[in-house]
PDB file of N, CA and C in Angstrom:
ATOM      1  N   MET A   1     -63.134 147.745 -14.867  1.00  0.00           N
ATOM      2  CA  MET A   1     -62.667 146.328 -15.076  1.00  0.00           C
ATOM      3  C   MET A   1     -61.337 146.438 -14.052  1.00  0.00           C
ATOM      4  N   THR A   2     -61.286 145.480 -13.384  1.00  0.00           N
ATOM      5  CA  THR A   2     -59.923 145.095 -12.392  1.00  0.00           C
ATOM      6  C   THR A   2     -59.122 144.347 -13.436  1.00  0.00           C
ATOM      7  N   VAL A   3     -57.764 144.790 -13.531  1.00  0.00           N
ATOM      8  CA  VAL A   3     -57.078 143.991 -14.099  1.00  0.00           C
ATOM      9  C   VAL A   3     -55.701 143.343 -13.152  1.00  0.00           C
ATOM     10  N   PRO A   4     -55.215 142.224 -13.548  1.00  0.00           N
ATOM     11  CA  PRO A   4     -54.295 141.526 -12.663  1.00  0.00           C
ATOM     12  C   PRO A   4     -52.966 142.118 -12.460  1.00  0.00           C
ATOM     13  N   TYR A   5     -52.738 143.146 -13.152  1.00  0.00           N
ATOM     14  CA  TYR A   5     -51.537 143.795 -12.635  1.00  0.00           C
ATOM     15  C   TYR A   5     -51.109 143.974 -11.282  1.00  0.00           C
ATOM     16  N   ASN A   6     -50.092 143.356 -10.827  1.00  0.00           N
ATOM     17  CA  ASN A   6     -49.734 143.729  -9.380  1.00  0.00           C
ATOM     18  C   ASN A   6     -50.900 143.324  -8.410  1.00  0.00           C
ATOM     19  N   ALA A   7     -51.665 142.388  -8.972  1.00  0.00           N
ATOM     20  CA  ALA A   7     -52.893 142.070  -8.057  1.00  0.00           C
ATOM     21  C   ALA A   7     -52.655 141.692  -6.533  1.00  0.00           C
ATOM     22  N   ASP A   8     -53.129 142.047  -5.692  1.00  0.00           N
ATOM     23  CA  ASP A   8     -53.125 141.763  -4.158  1.00  0.00           C
ATOM     24  C   ASP A   8     -54.424 141.070  -4.081  1.00  0.00           C
ATOM     25  N   ILE A   9     -54.623 140.885  -2.719  1.00  0.00           N
ATOM     26  CA  ILE A   9     -55.712 140.037  -2.188  1.00  0.00           C
ATOM     27  C   ILE A   9     -56.924 140.626  -2.860  1.00  0.00           C
ATOM     28  N   THR A  10     -57.226 141.912  -2.587  1.00  0.00           N
ATOM     29  CA  THR A  10     -58.624 142.502  -2.906  1.00  0.00           C
ATOM     30  C   THR A  10     -58.890 142.549  -4.148  1.00  0.00           C
ATOM     31  N   LYS A  11     -57.847 142.792  -5.004  1.00  0.00           N
ATOM     32  CA  LYS A  11     -57.968 142.555  -6.493  1.00  0.00           C
ATOM     33  C   LYS A  11     -58.368 141.329  -6.959  1.00  0.00           C
ATOM     34  N   LEU A  12     -57.565 140.351  -6.384  1.00  0.00           N
ATOM     35  CA  LEU A  12     -58.018 138.982  -6.893  1.00  0.00           C
ATOM     36  C   LEU A  12     -59.427 138.538  -6.617  1.00  0.00           C
ATOM     37  N   TYR A  13     -59.811 139.063  -5.249  1.00  0.00           N
ATOM     38  CA  TYR A  13     -61.119 138.620  -4.734  1.00  0.00           C
ATOM     39  C   TYR A  13     -62.236 139.311  -5.784  1.00  0.00           C
ATOM     40  N   ASN A  14     -61.851 140.747  -6.375  1.00  0.00           N
ATOM     41  CA  ASN A  14     -62.590 141.351  -7.061  1.00  0.00           C
ATOM     42  C   ASN A  14     -62.864 140.632  -8.208  1.00  0.00           C
ATOM     43  N   ILE A  15     -61.734 140.230  -9.100  1.00  0.00           N
ATOM     44  CA  ILE A  15     -61.473 139.551 -10.336  1.00  0.00           C
ATOM     45  C   ILE A  15     -62.373 138.207 -10.301  1.00  0.00           C
ATOM     46  N   TYR A  16     -62.260 137.571  -9.411  1.00  0.00           N
ATOM     47  CA  TYR A  16     -62.953 136.351  -9.171  1.00  0.00           C
ATOM     48  C   TYR A  16     -64.108 136.052  -8.488  1.00  0.00           C
ATOM     49  N   GLY A  17     -64.576 136.827  -7.586  1.00  0.00           N
ATOM     50  CA  GLY A  17     -65.606 136.964  -6.841  1.00  0.00           C
ATOM     51  C   GLY A  17     -66.689 137.972  -7.336  1.00  0.00           C
ATOM     52  N   LEU A  18     -66.220 139.311  -7.610  1.00  0.00           N
ATOM     53  CA  LEU A  18     -67.172 140.260  -7.956  1.00  0.00           C
ATOM     54  C   LEU A  18     -67.382 140.380  -9.440  1.00  0.00           C
ATOM     55  N   ASP A  19     -66.173 140.611 -10.196  1.00  0.00           N
ATOM     56  CA  ASP A  19     -66.268 140.899 -11.650  1.00  0.00           C
ATOM     57  C   ASP A  19     -66.600 139.708 -12.558  1.00  0.00           C
ATOM     58  N   SER A  20     -66.396 138.359 -12.001  1.00  0.00           N
ATOM     59  CA  SER A  20     -66.725 137.095 -12.545  1.00  0.00           C
ATOM     60  C   SER A  20     -65.888 136.835 -13.745  1.00  0.00           C
ATOM     61  N   PHE A  21     -64.733 137.157 -13.929  1.00  0.00           N
ATOM     62  CA  PHE A  21     -63.895 136.651 -15.086  1.00  0.00           C
ATOM     63  C   PHE A  21     -63.383 135.399 -14.773  1.00  0.00           C
ATOM     64  N   ALA A  22     -63.192 134.677 -15.771  1.00  0.00           N
ATOM     65  CA  ALA A  22     -63.002 133.246 -15.950  1.00  0.00           C
ATOM     66  C   ALA A  22     -61.682 133.076 -15.057  1.00  0.00           C
ATOM     67  N   SER A  23     -60.906 133.980 -15.199  1.00  0.00           N
ATOM     68  CA  SER A  23     -59.485 133.784 -14.348  1.00  0.00           C
ATOM     69  C   SER A  23     -58.972 135.153 -14.110  1.00  0.00           C
ATOM     70  N   ALA A  24     -57.750 135.350 -13.272  1.00  0.00           N
ATOM     71  CA  ALA A  24     -57.070 136.694 -13.248  1.00  0.00           C
ATOM     72  C   ALA A  24     -56.600 137.025 -14.679  1.00  0.00           C
ATOM     73  N   LEU A  25     -56.032 135.936 -15.359  1.00  0.00           N
ATOM     74  CA  LEU A  25     -55.119 136.355 -16.504  1.00  0.00           C
ATOM     75  C   LEU A  25     -56.356 136.809 -17.649  1.00  0.00           C
ATOM     76  N   GLY A  26     -57.683 136.249 -17.371  1.00  0.00           N
ATOM     77  CA  GLY A  26     -58.799 136.800 -18.462  1.00  0.00           C
ATOM     78  C   GLY A  26     -59.221 138.035 -18.179  1.00  0.00           C
ATOM     79  N   ALA A  27     -58.984 138.675 -16.794  1.00  0.00           N
ATOM     80  CA  ALA A  27     -59.349 140.085 -16.697  1.00  0.00           C
ATOM     81  C   ALA A  27     -58.597 141.075 -17.415  1.00  0.00           C
ATOM     82  N   ALA A  28     -57.437 140.581 -18.192  1.00  0.00           N
ATOM     83  CA  ALA A  28     -56.596 141.347 -18.802  1.00  0.00           C
ATOM     84  C   ALA A  28     -57.214 141.941 -20.166  1.00  0.00           C
ATOM     85  N   ASN A  29     -58.151 141.104 -20.751  1.00  0.00           N
ATOM     86  CA  ASN A  29     -58.371 141.426 -21.927  1.00  0.00           C
ATOM     87  C   ASN A  29     -59.808 140.283 -22.366  1.00  0.00           C
ATOM     88  N   PRO A  30     -60.773 141.026 -23.189  1.00  0.00           N
ATOM     89  CA  PRO A  30     -61.827 139.897 -23.476  1.00  0.00           C
ATOM     90  C   PRO A  30     -61.307 138.482 -24.315  1.00  0.00           C
ATOM     91  N   GLU A  31     -60.429 138.782 -24.978  1.00  0.00           N
ATOM     92  CA  GLU A  31     -59.809 137.482 -25.892  1.00  0.00           C
ATOM     93  C   GLU A  31     -59.421 136.160 -25.121  1.00  0.00           C
ATOM     94  N   GLU A  32     -58.650 136.966 -23.982  1.00  0.00           N
ATOM     95  CA  GLU A  32     -57.944 135.971 -22.995  1.00  0.00           C
ATOM     96  C   GLU A  32     -59.125 135.545 -21.789  1.00  0.00           C
ATOM     97  N   ASP A  33     -60.113 136.385 -21.760  1.00  0.00           N
ATOM     98  CA  ASP A  33     -61.257 135.732 -20.872  1.00  0.00           C
ATOM     99  C   ASP A  33     -61.778 134.540 -21.642  1.00  0.00           C
ATOM    100  N   PHE A  34     -62.096 134.677 -22.675  1.00  0.00           N
ATOM    101  CA  PHE A  34     -62.821 133.829 -23.690  1.00  0.00           C
ATOM    102  C   PHE A  34     -61.739 132.264 -23.598  1.00  0.00           C
ATOM    103  N   VAL A  35     -60.557 132.575 -23.883  1.00  0.00           N
ATOM    104  CA  VAL A  35     -59.660 131.233 -23.886  1.00  0.00           C
ATOM    105  C   VAL A  35     -59.765 130.577 -22.438  1.00  0.00           C
ATOM    106  N   GLU A  36     -59.801 131.472 -21.389  1.00  0.00           N
ATOM    107  CA  GLU A  36     -59.638 130.903 -20.306  1.00  0.00           C
ATOM    108  C   GLU A  36     -61.098 130.203 -19.998  1.00  0.00           C
ATOM    109  N   ALA A  37     -62.227 130.826 -20.306  1.00  0.00           N
ATOM    110  CA  ALA A  37     -63.340 129.922 -20.076  1.00  0.00           C
ATOM    111  C   ALA A  37     -63.385 128.777 -20.832  1.00  0.00           C
ATOM    112  N   TYR A  38     -62.912 128.843 -21.961  1.00  0.00           N
ATOM    113  CA  TYR A  38     -62.979 127.558 -22.881  1.00  0.00           C
ATOM    114  C   TYR A  38     -62.030 126.298 -22.141  1.00  0.00           C
ATOM    115  N   ALA A  39     -60.840 126.875 -21.826  1.00  0.00           N
ATOM    116  CA  ALA A  39     -59.959 125.936 -21.156  1.00  0.00           C
ATOM    117  C   ALA A  39     -60.771 125.348 -19.634  1.00  0.00           C
ATOM    118  N   ILE A  40     -61.201 126.324 -18.909  1.00  0.00           N
ATOM    119  CA  ILE A  40     -61.986 125.778 -17.717  1.00  0.00           C
ATOM    120  C   ILE A  40     -63.104 125.019 -17.933  1.00  0.00           C
ATOM    121  N   GLN A  41     -63.913 125.348 -18.949  1.00  0.00           N
ATOM    122  CA  GLN A  41     -64.915 124.546 -19.491  1.00  0.00           C
ATOM    123  C   GLN A  41     -64.535 123.045 -19.680  1.00  0.00           C
ATOM    124  N   ALA A  42     -63.669 123.182 -20.837  1.00  0.00           N
ATOM    125  CA  ALA A  42     -62.987 121.835 -21.007  1.00  0.00           C
ATOM    126  C   ALA A  42     -62.536 120.796 -19.957  1.00  0.00           C
ATOM    127  N   VAL A  43     -61.820 121.295 -18.973  1.00  0.00           N
ATOM    128  CA  VAL A  43     -61.626 120.521 -18.189  1.00  0.00           C
ATOM    129  C   VAL A  43     -62.638 120.058 -17.122  1.00  0.00           C
ATOM    130  N   THR A  44     -63.540 120.862 -17.020  1.00  0.00           N
ATOM    131  CA  THR A  44     -64.670 120.614 -16.128  1.00  0.00           C
ATOM    132  C   THR A  44     -65.693 119.563 -16.899  1.00  0.00           C
ATOM    133  N   GLU A  45     -65.693 119.646 -18.225  1.00  0.00           N
ATOM    134  CA  GLU A  45     -66.504 118.638 -18.918  1.00  0.00           C
ATOM    135  C   GLU A  45     -65.823 117.203 -19.156  1.00  0.00           C
ATOM    136  N   SER A  46     -64.449 117.441 -19.269  1.00  0.00           N
ATOM    137  CA  SER A  46     -63.736 116.113 -19.180  1.00  0.00           C
ATOM    138  C   SER A  46     -63.574 115.350 -17.730  1.00  0.00           C
ATOM    139  N   SER A  47     -63.701 116.155 -16.823  1.00  0.00           N
ATOM    140  CA  SER A  47     -63.437 115.562 -15.363  1.00  0.00           C
ATOM    141  C   SER A  47     -64.468 116.343 -14.426  1.00  0.00           C
ATOM    142  N   PRO A  48     -65.833 116.041 -14.562  1.00  0.00           N
ATOM    143  CA  PRO A  48     -66.847 116.714 -13.647  1.00  0.00           C
ATOM    144  C   PRO A  48     -66.357 116.764 -12.080  1.00  0.00           C
ATOM    145  N   GLN A  49     -65.873 115.629 -11.736  1.00  0.00           N
ATOM    146  CA  GLN A  49     -65.675 115.696 -10.225  1.00  0.00           C
ATOM    147  C   GLN A  49     -64.512 116.436  -9.756  1.00  0.00           C
ATOM    148  N   PHE A  50     -63.706 117.065 -10.875  1.00  0.00           N
ATOM    149  CA  PHE A  50     -62.442 118.037 -10.545  1.00  0.00           C
ATOM    150  C   PHE A  50     -63.189 119.432 -10.255  1.00  0.00           C
ATOM    151  N   LYS A  51     -62.751 119.979  -8.975  1.00  0.00           N
ATOM    152  CA  LYS A  51     -63.020 121.266  -8.504  1.00  0.00           C
ATOM    153  C   LYS A  51     -61.858 122.317  -8.121  1.00  0.00           C
ATOM    154  N   LEU A  52     -61.576 123.261  -9.314  1.00  0.00           N
ATOM    155  CA  LEU A  52     -60.853 124.289  -8.930  1.00  0.00           C
ATOM    156  C   LEU A  52     -61.068 125.312  -8.127  1.00  0.00           C
ATOM    157  N   ARG A  53     -60.789 125.227  -6.986  1.00  0.00           N
ATOM    158  CA  ARG A  53     -60.938 126.165  -5.689  1.00  0.00           C
ATOM    159  C   ARG A  53     -59.753 127.091  -5.576  1.00  0.00           C
ATOM    160  N   LEU A  54     -60.157 128.093  -5.276  1.00  0.00           N
ATOM    161  CA  LEU A  54     -59.203 129.276  -5.049  1.00  0.00           C
ATOM    162  C   LEU A  54     -59.770 130.041  -3.665  1.00  0.00           C
ATOM    163  N   THR A  55     -58.715 130.163  -2.662  1.00  0.00           N
ATOM    164  CA  THR A  55     -58.968 130.444  -1.679  1.00  0.00           C
ATOM    165  C   THR A  55     -58.431 131.925  -1.392  1.00  0.00           C
ATOM    166  N   ILE A  56     -59.417 133.042  -1.128  1.00  0.00           N
ATOM    167  CA  ILE A  56     -58.929 134.401  -0.908  1.00  0.00           C
ATOM    168  C   ILE A  56     -59.399 134.921   0.503  1.00  0.00           C
ATOM    169  N   ASP A  57     -58.449 135.400   1.148  1.00  0.00           N
ATOM    170  CA  ASP A  57     -58.657 135.952   2.278  1.00  0.00           C
ATOM    171  C   ASP A  57     -58.780 137.630   2.559  1.00  0.00           C
ATOM    172  N   PRO A  58     -59.595 138.403   1.724  1.00  0.00           N
ATOM    173  CA  PRO A  58     -59.574 139.678   2.025  1.00  0.00           C
ATOM    174  C   PRO A  58     -59.853 140.365   3.015  1.00  0.00           C
ATOM    175  N   LYS A  59     -59.065 141.037   3.837  1.00  0.00           N
ATOM    176  CA  LYS A  59     -59.725 141.720   5.023  1.00  0.00           C
ATOM    177  C   LYS A  59     -59.902 140.712   6.091  1.00  0.00           C
ATOM    178  N   GLY A  60     -59.453 139.311   6.178  1.00  0.00           N
ATOM    179  CA  GLY A  60     -59.541 138.575   7.317  1.00  0.00           C
ATOM    180  C   GLY A  60     -61.040 137.545   6.895  1.00  0.00           C
ATOM    181  N   ALA A  61     -61.713 137.934   5.660  1.00  0.00           N
ATOM    182  CA  ALA A  61     -62.715 137.047   5.434  1.00  0.00           C
ATOM    183  C   ALA A  61     -62.592 136.284   4.588  1.00  0.00           C
ATOM    184  N   ARG A  62     -62.364 135.099   4.843  1.00  0.00           N
ATOM    185  CA  ARG A  62     -61.893 133.822   4.036  1.00  0.00           C
ATOM    186  C   ARG A  62     -62.988 133.367   3.024  1.00  0.00           C
ATOM    187  N   THR A  63     -62.628 133.431   1.743  1.00  0.00           N
ATOM    188  CA  THR A  63     -63.604 132.988   0.742  1.00  0.00           C
ATOM    189  C   THR A  63     -63.069 132.109  -0.080  1.00  0.00           C
ATOM    190  N   VAL A  64     -63.786 130.975  -0.412  1.00  0.00           N
ATOM    191  CA  VAL A  64     -63.256 130.069  -1.131  1.00  0.00           C
ATOM    192  C   VAL A  64     -64.297 129.971  -2.444  1.00  0.00           C
ATOM    193  N   ILE A  65     -63.776 130.080  -3.550  1.00  0.00           N
ATOM    194  CA  ILE A  65     -64.292 130.344  -4.916  1.00  0.00           C
ATOM    195  C   ILE A  65     -63.965 129.054  -5.756  1.00  0.00           C
ATOM    196  N   THR A  66     -65.007 128.336  -6.084  1.00  0.00           N
ATOM    197  CA  THR A  66     -65.022 127.248  -6.866  1.00  0.00           C
ATOM    198  C   THR A  66     -64.907 127.958  -8.475  1.00  0.00           C
ATOM    199  N   VAL A  67     -63.750 128.069  -9.237  1.00  0.00           N
ATOM    200  CA  VAL A  67     -63.642 128.578 -10.347  1.00  0.00           C
ATOM    201  C   VAL A  67     -64.322 128.071 -11.678  1.00  0.00           C
ATOM    202  N   ASN A  68     -64.349 126.598 -11.327  1.00  0.00           N
ATOM    203  CA  ASN A  68     -65.100 125.941 -12.564  1.00  0.00           C
ATOM    204  C   ASN A  68     -66.525 125.577 -12.146  1.00  0.00           C
ATOM    205  N   ASP A  69     -67.344 126.381 -11.219  1.00  0.00           N
ATOM    206  CA  ASP A  69     -68.535 126.195 -10.826  1.00  0.00           C
ATOM    207  C   ASP A  69     -69.460 126.373 -11.742  1.00  0.00           C
ATOM    208  N   PRO A  70     -70.403 125.745 -12.542  1.00  0.00           N
ATOM    209  CA  PRO A  70     -71.185 126.093 -13.738  1.00  0.00           C
ATOM    210  C   PRO A  70     -71.982 127.503 -13.196  1.00  0.00           C
ATOM    211  N   ASP A  71     -72.394 127.357 -12.133  1.00  0.00           N
ATOM    212  CA  ASP A  71     -73.398 128.521 -11.787  1.00  0.00           C
ATOM    213  C   ASP A  71     -72.527 130.039 -11.613  1.00  0.00           C
ATOM    214  N   ARG A  72     -71.292 129.783 -11.333  1.00  0.00           N
ATOM    215  CA  ARG A  72     -70.513 131.073 -11.244  1.00  0.00           C
ATOM    216  C   ARG A  72     -70.247 131.988 -12.581  1.00  0.00           C
ATOM    217  N   ASN A  73     -70.168 131.642 -13.621  1.00  0.00           N
ATOM    218  CA  ASN A  73     -70.220 132.176 -14.785  1.00  0.00           C
ATOM    219  C   ASN A  73     -70.820 131.362 -15.978  1.00  0.00           C
ATOM    220  N   SER A  74     -72.308 130.960 -15.672  1.00  0.00           N
ATOM    221  CA  SER A  74     -73.129 130.216 -16.513  1.00  0.00           C
ATOM    222  C   SER A  74     -73.157 130.959 -17.912  1.00  0.00           C
ATOM    223  N   ASN A  75     -73.398 132.178 -18.048  1.00  0.00           N
ATOM    224  CA  ASN A  75     -73.189 132.896 -19.304  1.00  0.00           C
ATOM    225  C   ASN A  75     -72.039 132.694 -19.999  1.00  0.00           C
ATOM    226  N   LYS A  76     -70.956 132.721 -19.563  1.00  0.00           N
ATOM    227  CA  LYS A  76     -69.474 132.512 -20.149  1.00  0.00           C
ATOM    228  C   LYS A  76     -69.227 131.159 -20.420  1.00  0.00           C
ATOM    229  N   PHE A  77     -69.443 130.326 -19.338  1.00  0.00           N
ATOM    230  CA  PHE A  77     -69.370 128.943 -19.859  1.00  0.00           C
ATOM    231  C   PHE A  77     -70.302 128.288 -20.796  1.00  0.00           C
ATOM    232  N   GLY A  78     -71.618 128.739 -20.753  1.00  0.00           N
ATOM    233  CA  GLY A  78     -72.534 128.251 -21.670  1.00  0.00           C
ATOM    234  C   GLY A  78     -72.218 128.717 -23.142  1.00  0.00           C
ATOM    235  N   CYS A  79     -71.346 129.644 -23.248  1.00  0.00           N
ATOM    236  CA  CYS A  79     -71.030 130.332 -24.499  1.00  0.00           C
ATOM    237  C   CYS A  79     -70.004 129.345 -25.278  1.00  0.00           C
ATOM    238  N   VAL A  80     -69.177 128.671 -24.405  1.00  0.00           N
ATOM    239  CA  VAL A  80     -68.096 127.954 -24.917  1.00  0.00           C
ATOM    240  C   VAL A  80     -68.540 126.757 -24.882  1.00  0.00           C
ATOM    241  N   HIS A  81     -69.610 126.215 -24.111  1.00  0.00           N
ATOM    242  CA  HIS A  81     -69.983 124.697 -24.268  1.00  0.00           C
ATOM    243  C   HIS A  81     -70.343 124.238 -25.456  1.00  0.00           C
ATOM    244  N   ASP A  82     -70.855 125.092 -26.317  1.00  0.00           N
ATOM    245  CA  ASP A  82     -71.521 124.690 -27.625  1.00  0.00           C
ATOM    246  C   ASP A  82     -70.093 124.407 -28.569  1.00  0.00           C
ATOM    247  N   LEU A  83     -69.204 125.022 -28.203  1.00  0.00           N
ATOM    248  CA  LEU A  83     -67.901 124.734 -29.080  1.00  0.00           C
ATOM    249  C   LEU A  83     -67.240 123.450 -28.598  1.00  0.00           C
ATOM    250  N   LEU A  84     -67.568 122.858 -27.467  1.00  0.00           N
ATOM    251  CA  LEU A  84     -66.817 121.743 -27.035  1.00  0.00           C
ATOM    252  C   LEU A  84     -67.834 120.430 -27.287  1.00  0.00           C
ATOM    253  N   ALA A  85     -68.994 120.731 -27.654  1.00  0.00           N
ATOM    254  CA  ALA A  85     -69.855 119.322 -27.913  1.00  0.00           C
ATOM    255  C   ALA A  85     -69.553 118.675 -29.089  1.00  0.00           C
ATOM    256  N   PRO A  86     -69.712 117.382 -29.098  1.00  0.00           N
ATOM    257  CA  PRO A  86     -69.044 116.646 -30.065  1.00  0.00           C
ATOM    258  C   PRO A  86     -70.015 116.793 -31.343  1.00  0.00           C
TER     259      PRO A  86
END
C-alpha cells in the first residue's frame, strides 16, 4: 500500500491511478478510505455534473484522473451508495 507521507508525484499517481484509493488521505488507513469514499460519493450524488479532476504529471506523462468517476472505484462507491440512499 502506498501512503501519502511526503508524497511526490509518483506516489500520488500510484495512490489515485494504480491503487485506486478514494483519496491520498484514504491511503493512510482503511477507515479514512471509507470516509473519503463516502464524502466523494455524497458530493457526486448531490451534484452529478460536478467532476473532481486531479492532474498528475509523473515522468512527463500527464494524466488527468476524475476522482469521483463511478467507474474508477465502483466497488468502493457502490458500498457507500446504499448508506446515502433515502
